[in-house]
């Protein structure tokens, strides 16, 4: 997947280098105002990539933001299945 990826409201960056012991990609998710919202990371119990919020309170996202996050997760899953 080509990163960084910027959508209307969100941006996605590969931050895997911050987690050198992980063997899967970790993607940082932020809004276009610079606020960090969460991570897309591999969860072995789920056997897939998931979005994990960094907010200490409930995070509110609209359907466009959820679609963007889902699209990135779907791309990561496609790449993983190729391997």
PDB file of N, CA and C in Angstrom:
ATOM      1  N   UNK A   1       0.836  -1.169   0.000  1.00  0.00           N
ATOM      2  CA  UNK A   1       0.000   0.000   0.000  1.00  0.00           C
ATOM      3  C   UNK A   1       0.886   1.239   0.000  1.00  0.00           C
ATOM      4  N   UNK A   2       0.501   2.194  -0.781  1.00  0.00           N
ATOM      5  CA  UNK A   2       1.268   3.426  -0.864  1.00  0.00           C
ATOM      6  C   UNK A   2       0.830   4.384   0.228  1.00  0.00           C
ATOM      7  N   UNK A   3       1.751   4.686   1.133  1.00  0.00           N
ATOM      8  CA  UNK A   3       1.464   5.601   2.230  1.00  0.00           C
ATOM      9  C   UNK A   3       2.526   6.694   2.259  1.00  0.00           C
ATOM     10  N   UNK A   4       2.280   7.895   2.714  1.00  0.00           N
ATOM     11  CA  UNK A   4       1.063   8.312   3.400  1.00  0.00           C
ATOM     12  C   UNK A   4      -0.109   8.462   2.427  1.00  0.00           C
ATOM     13  N   UNK A   5      -1.284   8.250   2.946  1.00  0.00           N
ATOM     14  CA  UNK A   5      -2.524   8.379   2.193  1.00  0.00           C
ATOM     15  C   UNK A   5      -3.346   9.453   2.879  1.00  0.00           C
ATOM     16  N   UNK A   6      -3.856  10.393   2.086  1.00  0.00           N
ATOM     17  CA  UNK A   6      -4.646  11.487   2.649  1.00  0.00           C
ATOM     18  C   UNK A   6      -6.018  11.470   1.988  1.00  0.00           C
ATOM     19  N   UNK A   7      -7.053  11.469   2.810  1.00  0.00           N
ATOM     20  CA  UNK A   7      -8.424  11.530   2.309  1.00  0.00           C
ATOM     21  C   UNK A   7      -9.005  12.894   2.681  1.00  0.00           C
ATOM     22  N   UNK A   8     -10.282  13.062   2.474  1.00  0.00           N
ATOM     23  CA  UNK A   8     -10.922  14.353   2.755  1.00  0.00           C
ATOM     24  C   UNK A   8     -10.738  14.790   4.204  1.00  0.00           C
ATOM     25  N   UNK A   9     -10.836  13.832   5.139  1.00  0.00           N
ATOM     26  CA  UNK A   9     -10.764  14.178   6.562  1.00  0.00           C
ATOM     27  C   UNK A   9      -9.599  13.541   7.308  1.00  0.00           C
ATOM     28  N   UNK A  10      -9.053  12.443   6.786  1.00  0.00           N
ATOM     29  CA  UNK A  10      -8.056  11.661   7.520  1.00  0.00           C
ATOM     30  C   UNK A  10      -6.756  11.522   6.750  1.00  0.00           C
ATOM     31  N   UNK A  11      -5.698  11.210   7.501  1.00  0.00           N
ATOM     32  CA  UNK A  11      -4.429  10.849   6.876  1.00  0.00           C
ATOM     33  C   UNK A  11      -3.899   9.596   7.547  1.00  0.00           C
ATOM     34  N   UNK A  12      -3.202   8.802   6.756  1.00  0.00           N
ATOM     35  CA  UNK A  12      -2.697   7.504   7.199  1.00  0.00           C
ATOM     36  C   UNK A  12      -1.204   7.459   6.925  1.00  0.00           C
ATOM     37  N   UNK A  13      -0.414   7.054   7.930  1.00  0.00           N
ATOM     38  CA  UNK A  13       1.028   6.949   7.773  1.00  0.00           C
ATOM     39  C   UNK A  13       1.520   5.628   8.330  1.00  0.00           C
ATOM     40  N   UNK A  14       2.472   5.037   7.614  1.00  0.00           N
ATOM     41  CA  UNK A  14       3.098   3.807   8.089  1.00  0.00           C
ATOM     42  C   UNK A  14       4.053   4.184   9.220  1.00  0.00           C
ATOM     43  N   UNK A  15       3.762   3.710  10.418  1.00  0.00           N
ATOM     44  CA  UNK A  15       4.618   4.002  11.579  1.00  0.00           C
ATOM     45  C   UNK A  15       5.250   2.716  12.111  1.00  0.00           C
ATOM     46  N   UNK A  16       5.378   1.730  11.250  1.00  0.00           N
ATOM     47  CA  UNK A  16       5.923   0.429  11.652  1.00  0.00           C
ATOM     48  C   UNK A  16       7.303   0.542  12.277  1.00  0.00           C
ATOM     49  N   UNK A  17       8.097   1.516  11.829  1.00  0.00           N
ATOM     50  CA  UNK A  17       9.456   1.654  12.364  1.00  0.00           C
ATOM     51  C   UNK A  17       9.471   1.989  13.855  1.00  0.00           C
ATOM     52  N   UNK A  18       8.348   2.485  14.379  1.00  0.00           N
ATOM     53  CA  UNK A  18       8.253   2.774  15.810  1.00  0.00           C
ATOM     54  C   UNK A  18       8.042   1.509  16.641  1.00  0.00           C
ATOM     55  N   UNK A  19       7.724   0.407  15.957  1.00  0.00           N
ATOM     56  CA  UNK A  19       7.464  -0.874  16.621  1.00  0.00           C
ATOM     57  C   UNK A  19       8.346  -1.952  15.980  1.00  0.00           C
ATOM     58  N   UNK A  20       9.654  -1.911  16.221  1.00  0.00           N
ATOM     59  CA  UNK A  20      10.584  -2.799  15.512  1.00  0.00           C
ATOM     60  C   UNK A  20      10.395  -4.288  15.786  1.00  0.00           C
ATOM     61  N   UNK A  21       9.723  -4.655  16.866  1.00  0.00           N
ATOM     62  CA  UNK A  21       9.544  -6.081  17.158  1.00  0.00           C
ATOM     63  C   UNK A  21       8.323  -6.672  16.460  1.00  0.00           C
ATOM     64  N   UNK A  22       7.472  -5.828  15.903  1.00  0.00           N
ATOM     65  CA  UNK A  22       6.288  -6.334  15.201  1.00  0.00           C
ATOM     66  C   UNK A  22       6.661  -6.771  13.789  1.00  0.00           C
ATOM     67  N   UNK A  23       6.011  -7.814  13.321  1.00  0.00           N
ATOM     68  CA  UNK A  23       6.276  -8.307  11.968  1.00  0.00           C
ATOM     69  C   UNK A  23       5.217  -7.848  10.969  1.00  0.00           C
ATOM     70  N   UNK A  24       4.208  -7.138  11.437  1.00  0.00           N
ATOM     71  CA  UNK A  24       3.149  -6.626  10.578  1.00  0.00           C
ATOM     72  C   UNK A  24       3.184  -5.105  10.578  1.00  0.00           C
ATOM     73  N   UNK A  25       2.513  -4.513   9.596  1.00  0.00           N
ATOM     74  CA  UNK A  25       2.484  -3.057   9.500  1.00  0.00           C
ATOM     75  C   UNK A  25       1.628  -2.449  10.597  1.00  0.00           C
ATOM     76  N   UNK A  26       2.018  -1.253  11.016  1.00  0.00           N
ATOM     77  CA  UNK A  26       1.216  -0.443  11.920  1.00  0.00           C
ATOM     78  C   UNK A  26       1.009   0.894  11.235  1.00  0.00           C
ATOM     79  N   UNK A  27      -0.245   1.296  11.113  1.00  0.00           N
ATOM     80  CA  UNK A  27      -0.603   2.524  10.412  1.00  0.00           C
ATOM     81  C   UNK A  27      -1.175   3.520  11.407  1.00  0.00           C
ATOM     82  N   UNK A  28      -0.595   4.715  11.458  1.00  0.00           N
ATOM     83  CA  UNK A  28      -1.130   5.778  12.295  1.00  0.00           C
ATOM     84  C   UNK A  28      -2.251   6.492  11.563  1.00  0.00           C
ATOM     85  N   UNK A  29      -3.330   6.787  12.277  1.00  0.00           N
ATOM     86  CA  UNK A  29      -4.486   7.471  11.699  1.00  0.00           C
ATOM     87  C   UNK A  29      -4.663   8.798  12.426  1.00  0.00           C
ATOM     88  N   UNK A  30      -4.742   9.855  11.658  1.00  0.00           N
ATOM     89  CA  UNK A  30      -4.963  11.175  12.235  1.00  0.00           C
ATOM     90  C   UNK A  30      -5.932  11.965  11.392  1.00  0.00           C
ATOM     91  N   UNK A  31      -6.462  13.039  11.971  1.00  0.00           N
ATOM     92  CA  UNK A  31      -7.304  13.901  11.150  1.00  0.00           C
ATOM     93  C   UNK A  31      -6.412  14.926  10.457  1.00  0.00           C
ATOM     94  N   UNK A  32      -6.963  15.633   9.511  1.00  0.00           N
ATOM     95  CA  UNK A  32      -6.147  16.571   8.731  1.00  0.00           C
ATOM     96  C   UNK A  32      -5.839  17.859   9.485  1.00  0.00           C
ATOM     97  N   UNK A  33      -6.272  17.944  10.746  1.00  0.00           N
ATOM     98  CA  UNK A  33      -5.898  19.062  11.625  1.00  0.00           C
ATOM     99  C   UNK A  33      -4.684  18.704  12.477  1.00  0.00           C
ATOM    100  N   UNK A  34      -4.177  17.479  12.329  1.00  0.00           N
ATOM    101  CA  UNK A  34      -2.992  17.065  13.056  1.00  0.00           C
ATOM    102  C   UNK A  34      -3.242  16.257  14.316  1.00  0.00           C
ATOM    103  N   UNK A  35      -4.490  16.010  14.646  1.00  0.00           N
ATOM    104  CA  UNK A  35      -4.819  15.231  15.840  1.00  0.00           C
ATOM    105  C   UNK A  35      -4.665  13.740  15.558  1.00  0.00           C
ATOM    106  N   UNK A  36      -3.976  13.026  16.449  1.00  0.00           N
ATOM    107  CA  UNK A  36      -3.824  11.581  16.312  1.00  0.00           C
ATOM    108  C   UNK A  36      -5.082  10.905  16.838  1.00  0.00           C
ATOM    109  N   UNK A  37      -5.659  10.028  16.004  1.00  0.00           N
ATOM    110  CA  UNK A  37      -6.917   9.382  16.375  1.00  0.00           C
ATOM    111  C   UNK A  37      -6.748   7.934  16.804  1.00  0.00           C
ATOM    112  N   UNK A  38      -5.842   7.220  16.163  1.00  0.00           N
ATOM    113  CA  UNK A  38      -5.677   5.814  16.501  1.00  0.00           C
ATOM    114  C   UNK A  38      -4.689   5.112  15.600  1.00  0.00           C
ATOM    115  N   UNK A  39      -4.718   3.784  15.683  1.00  0.00           N
ATOM    116  CA  UNK A  39      -3.808   2.935  14.923  1.00  0.00           C
ATOM    117  C   UNK A  39      -4.595   1.858  14.196  1.00  0.00           C
ATOM    118  N   UNK A  40      -4.093   1.487  13.046  1.00  0.00           N
ATOM    119  CA  UNK A  40      -4.552   0.276  12.392  1.00  0.00           C
ATOM    120  C   UNK A  40      -3.419  -0.710  12.588  1.00  0.00           C
ATOM    121  N   UNK A  41      -3.707  -1.802  13.280  1.00  0.00           N
ATOM    122  CA  UNK A  41      -2.669  -2.771  13.603  1.00  0.00           C
ATOM    123  C   UNK A  41      -3.216  -4.186  13.536  1.00  0.00           C
ATOM    124  N   UNK A  42      -2.303  -5.149  13.418  1.00  0.00           N
ATOM    125  CA  UNK A  42      -2.669  -6.560  13.359  1.00  0.00           C
ATOM    126  C   UNK A  42      -3.025  -7.051  14.746  1.00  0.00           C
ATOM    127  N   UNK A  43      -4.144  -7.750  14.860  1.00  0.00           N
ATOM    128  CA  UNK A  43      -4.522  -8.399  16.109  1.00  0.00           C
ATOM    129  C   UNK A  43      -4.648  -9.887  15.835  1.00  0.00           C
ATOM    130  N   UNK A  44      -3.775 -10.658  16.445  1.00  0.00           N
ATOM    131  CA  UNK A  44      -3.730 -12.097  16.162  1.00  0.00           C
ATOM    132  C   UNK A  44      -5.013 -12.800  16.593  1.00  0.00           C
ATOM    133  N   UNK A  45      -5.643 -12.365  17.660  1.00  0.00           N
ATOM    134  CA  UNK A  45      -6.889 -12.979  18.096  1.00  0.00           C
ATOM    135  C   UNK A  45      -8.006 -12.824  17.069  1.00  0.00           C
ATOM    136  N   UNK A  46      -7.972 -11.728  16.362  1.00  0.00           N
ATOM    137  CA  UNK A  46      -8.967 -11.465  15.320  1.00  0.00           C
ATOM    138  C   UNK A  46      -8.515 -12.047  13.978  1.00  0.00           C
ATOM    139  N   UNK A  47      -7.206 -12.296  13.845  1.00  0.00           N
ATOM    140  CA  UNK A  47      -6.593 -12.741  12.587  1.00  0.00           C
ATOM    141  C   UNK A  47      -6.824 -11.734  11.464  1.00  0.00           C
ATOM    142  N   UNK A  48      -6.756 -10.447  11.837  1.00  0.00           N
ATOM    143  CA  UNK A  48      -6.928  -9.379  10.851  1.00  0.00           C
ATOM    144  C   UNK A  48      -6.477  -8.041  11.428  1.00  0.00           C
ATOM    145  N   UNK A  49      -6.386  -7.049  10.552  1.00  0.00           N
ATOM    146  CA  UNK A  49      -6.091  -5.693  10.987  1.00  0.00           C
ATOM    147  C   UNK A  49      -7.346  -5.056  11.567  1.00  0.00           C
ATOM    148  N   UNK A  50      -7.167  -4.253  12.607  1.00  0.00           N
ATOM    149  CA  UNK A  50      -8.278  -3.559  13.254  1.00  0.00           C
ATOM    150  C   UNK A  50      -7.876  -2.112  13.532  1.00  0.00           C
ATOM    151  N   UNK A  51      -8.856  -1.252  13.733  1.00  0.00           N
ATOM    152  CA  UNK A  51      -8.615   0.128  14.134  1.00  0.00           C
ATOM    153  C   UNK A  51      -8.730   0.200  15.649  1.00  0.00           C
ATOM    154  N   UNK A  52      -7.701   0.746  16.289  1.00  0.00           N
ATOM    155  CA  UNK A  52      -7.670   0.899  17.742  1.00  0.00           C
ATOM    156  C   UNK A  52      -7.577   2.398  18.038  1.00  0.00           C
ATOM    157  N   UNK A  53      -8.555   2.919  18.752  1.00  0.00           N
ATOM    158  CA  UNK A  53      -8.576   4.350  19.047  1.00  0.00           C
ATOM    159  C   UNK A  53      -7.542   4.703  20.123  1.00  0.00           C
ATOM    160  N   UNK A  54      -6.995   5.892  20.034  1.00  0.00           N
ATOM    161  CA  UNK A  54      -6.066   6.396  21.046  1.00  0.00           C
ATOM    162  C   UNK A  54      -6.780   7.309  22.043  1.00  0.00           C
ATOM    163  N   UNK A  55      -8.038   7.632  21.763  1.00  0.00           N
ATOM    164  CA  UNK A  55      -8.789   8.575  22.597  1.00  0.00           C
ATOM    165  C   UNK A  55      -9.141   7.953  23.941  1.00  0.00           C
ATOM    166  N   UNK A  56      -9.046   8.759  24.988  1.00  0.00           N
ATOM    167  CA  UNK A  56      -9.434   8.286  26.319  1.00  0.00           C
ATOM    168  C   UNK A  56     -10.945   8.382  26.509  1.00  0.00           C
ATOM    169  N   UNK A  57     -11.602   9.114  25.628  1.00  0.00           N
ATOM    170  CA  UNK A  57     -13.056   9.210  25.651  1.00  0.00           C
ATOM    171  C   UNK A  57     -13.592   8.685  24.320  1.00  0.00           C
ATOM    172  N   UNK A  58     -14.889   8.590  24.197  1.00  0.00           N
ATOM    173  CA  UNK A  58     -15.493   8.061  22.977  1.00  0.00           C
ATOM    174  C   UNK A  58     -15.069   8.900  21.768  1.00  0.00           C
ATOM    175  N   UNK A  59     -14.681   8.224  20.723  1.00  0.00           N
ATOM    176  CA  UNK A  59     -14.262   8.874  19.488  1.00  0.00           C
ATOM    177  C   UNK A  59     -15.444   8.866  18.525  1.00  0.00           C
ATOM    178  N   UNK A  60     -15.773  10.017  17.979  1.00  0.00           N
ATOM    179  CA  UNK A  60     -16.903  10.127  17.072  1.00  0.00           C
ATOM    180  C   UNK A  60     -16.389  10.260  15.644  1.00  0.00           C
ATOM    181  N   UNK A  61     -16.819   9.343  14.784  1.00  0.00           N
ATOM    182  CA  UNK A  61     -16.432   9.367  13.378  1.00  0.00           C
ATOM    183  C   UNK A  61     -17.685   9.279  12.527  1.00  0.00           C
ATOM    184  N   UNK A  62     -17.714  10.010  11.415  1.00  0.00           N
ATOM    185  CA  UNK A  62     -18.863   9.894  10.525  1.00  0.00           C
ATOM    186  C   UNK A  62     -18.641   8.761   9.523  1.00  0.00           C
ATOM    187  N   UNK A  63     -19.643   8.509   8.698  1.00  0.00           N
ATOM    188  CA  UNK A  63     -19.582   7.363   7.791  1.00  0.00           C
ATOM    189  C   UNK A  63     -18.447   7.489   6.776  1.00  0.00           C
ATOM    190  N   UNK A  64     -18.110   8.714   6.337  1.00  0.00           N
ATOM    191  CA  UNK A  64     -17.001   8.882   5.395  1.00  0.00           C
ATOM    192  C   UNK A  64     -15.670   8.485   6.032  1.00  0.00           C
ATOM    193  N   UNK A  65     -15.460   8.872   7.282  1.00  0.00           N
ATOM    194  CA  UNK A  65     -14.232   8.499   7.993  1.00  0.00           C
ATOM    195  C   UNK A  65     -14.166   6.985   8.190  1.00  0.00           C
ATOM    196  N   UNK A  66     -15.283   6.392   8.562  1.00  0.00           N
ATOM    197  CA  UNK A  66     -15.313   4.942   8.754  1.00  0.00           C
ATOM    198  C   UNK A  66     -15.034   4.206   7.448  1.00  0.00           C
ATOM    199  N   UNK A  67     -15.565   4.720   6.332  1.00  0.00           N
ATOM    200  CA  UNK A  67     -15.296   4.123   5.020  1.00  0.00           C
ATOM    201  C   UNK A  67     -13.813   4.204   4.682  1.00  0.00           C
ATOM    202  N   UNK A  68     -13.181   5.347   4.975  1.00  0.00           N
ATOM    203  CA  UNK A  68     -11.750   5.504   4.693  1.00  0.00           C
ATOM    204  C   UNK A  68     -10.924   4.517   5.509  1.00  0.00           C
ATOM    205  N   UNK A  69     -11.235   4.372   6.788  1.00  0.00           N
ATOM    206  CA  UNK A  69     -10.511   3.434   7.647  1.00  0.00           C
ATOM    207  C   UNK A  69     -10.726   2.007   7.147  1.00  0.00           C
ATOM    208  N   UNK A  70     -11.967   1.681   6.800  1.00  0.00           N
ATOM    209  CA  UNK A  70     -12.275   0.347   6.282  1.00  0.00           C
ATOM    210  C   UNK A  70     -11.517   0.068   4.993  1.00  0.00           C
ATOM    211  N   UNK A  71     -11.419   1.053   4.115  1.00  0.00           N
ATOM    212  CA  UNK A  71     -10.700   0.875   2.851  1.00  0.00           C
ATOM    213  C   UNK A  71      -9.224   0.557   3.087  1.00  0.00           C
ATOM    214  N   UNK A  72      -8.603   1.235   4.043  1.00  0.00           N
ATOM    215  CA  UNK A  72      -7.188   0.970   4.354  1.00  0.00           C
ATOM    216  C   UNK A  72      -7.045  -0.438   4.941  1.00  0.00           C
ATOM    217  N   UNK A  73      -7.923  -0.815   5.861  1.00  0.00           N
ATOM    218  CA  UNK A  73      -7.876  -2.164   6.439  1.00  0.00           C
ATOM    219  C   UNK A  73      -8.048  -3.208   5.339  1.00  0.00           C
ATOM    220  N   UNK A  74      -8.994  -2.990   4.424  1.00  0.00           N
ATOM    221  CA  UNK A  74      -9.212  -3.937   3.329  1.00  0.00           C
ATOM    222  C   UNK A  74      -7.977  -4.079   2.449  1.00  0.00           C
ATOM    223  N   UNK A  75      -7.291  -2.964   2.165  1.00  0.00           N
ATOM    224  CA  UNK A  75      -6.055  -3.009   1.377  1.00  0.00           C
ATOM    225  C   UNK A  75      -4.971  -3.814   2.094  1.00  0.00           C
ATOM    226  N   UNK A  76      -4.820  -3.579   3.396  1.00  0.00           N
ATOM    227  CA  UNK A  76      -3.828  -4.323   4.174  1.00  0.00           C
ATOM    228  C   UNK A  76      -4.138  -5.815   4.177  1.00  0.00           C
ATOM    229  N   UNK A  77      -5.402  -6.167   4.293  1.00  0.00           N
ATOM    230  CA  UNK A  77      -5.794  -7.573   4.292  1.00  0.00           C
ATOM    231  C   UNK A  77      -5.526  -8.227   2.939  1.00  0.00           C
ATOM    232  N   UNK A  78      -5.786  -7.494   1.839  1.00  0.00           N
ATOM    233  CA  UNK A  78      -5.494  -8.016   0.492  1.00  0.00           C
ATOM    234  C   UNK A  78      -4.010  -8.289   0.340  1.00  0.00           C
ATOM    235  N   UNK A  79      -3.178  -7.346   0.797  1.00  0.00           N
ATOM    236  CA  UNK A  79      -1.725  -7.525   0.718  1.00  0.00           C
ATOM    237  C   UNK A  79      -1.279  -8.708   1.549  1.00  0.00           C
ATOM    238  N   UNK A  80      -1.858  -8.877   2.711  1.00  0.00           N
ATOM    239  CA  UNK A  80      -1.480  -9.989   3.586  1.00  0.00           C
ATOM    240  C   UNK A  80      -1.839 -11.332   2.964  1.00  0.00           C
ATOM    241  N   UNK A  81      -2.975 -11.403   2.288  1.00  0.00           N
ATOM    242  CA  UNK A  81      -3.402 -12.658   1.668  1.00  0.00           C
ATOM    243  C   UNK A  81      -2.523 -13.032   0.477  1.00  0.00           C
ATOM    244  N   UNK A  82      -1.846 -12.061  -0.133  1.00  0.00           N
ATOM    245  CA  UNK A  82      -0.942 -12.325  -1.250  1.00  0.00           C
ATOM    246  C   UNK A  82       0.314 -13.059  -0.801  1.00  0.00           C
ATOM    247  N   UNK A  83       0.712 -12.832   0.452  1.00  0.00           N
ATOM    248  CA  UNK A  83       1.962 -13.391   0.980  1.00  0.00           C
ATOM    249  C   UNK A  83       1.825 -14.842   1.302  1.00  0.00           C
TER     250      UNK A  83
END
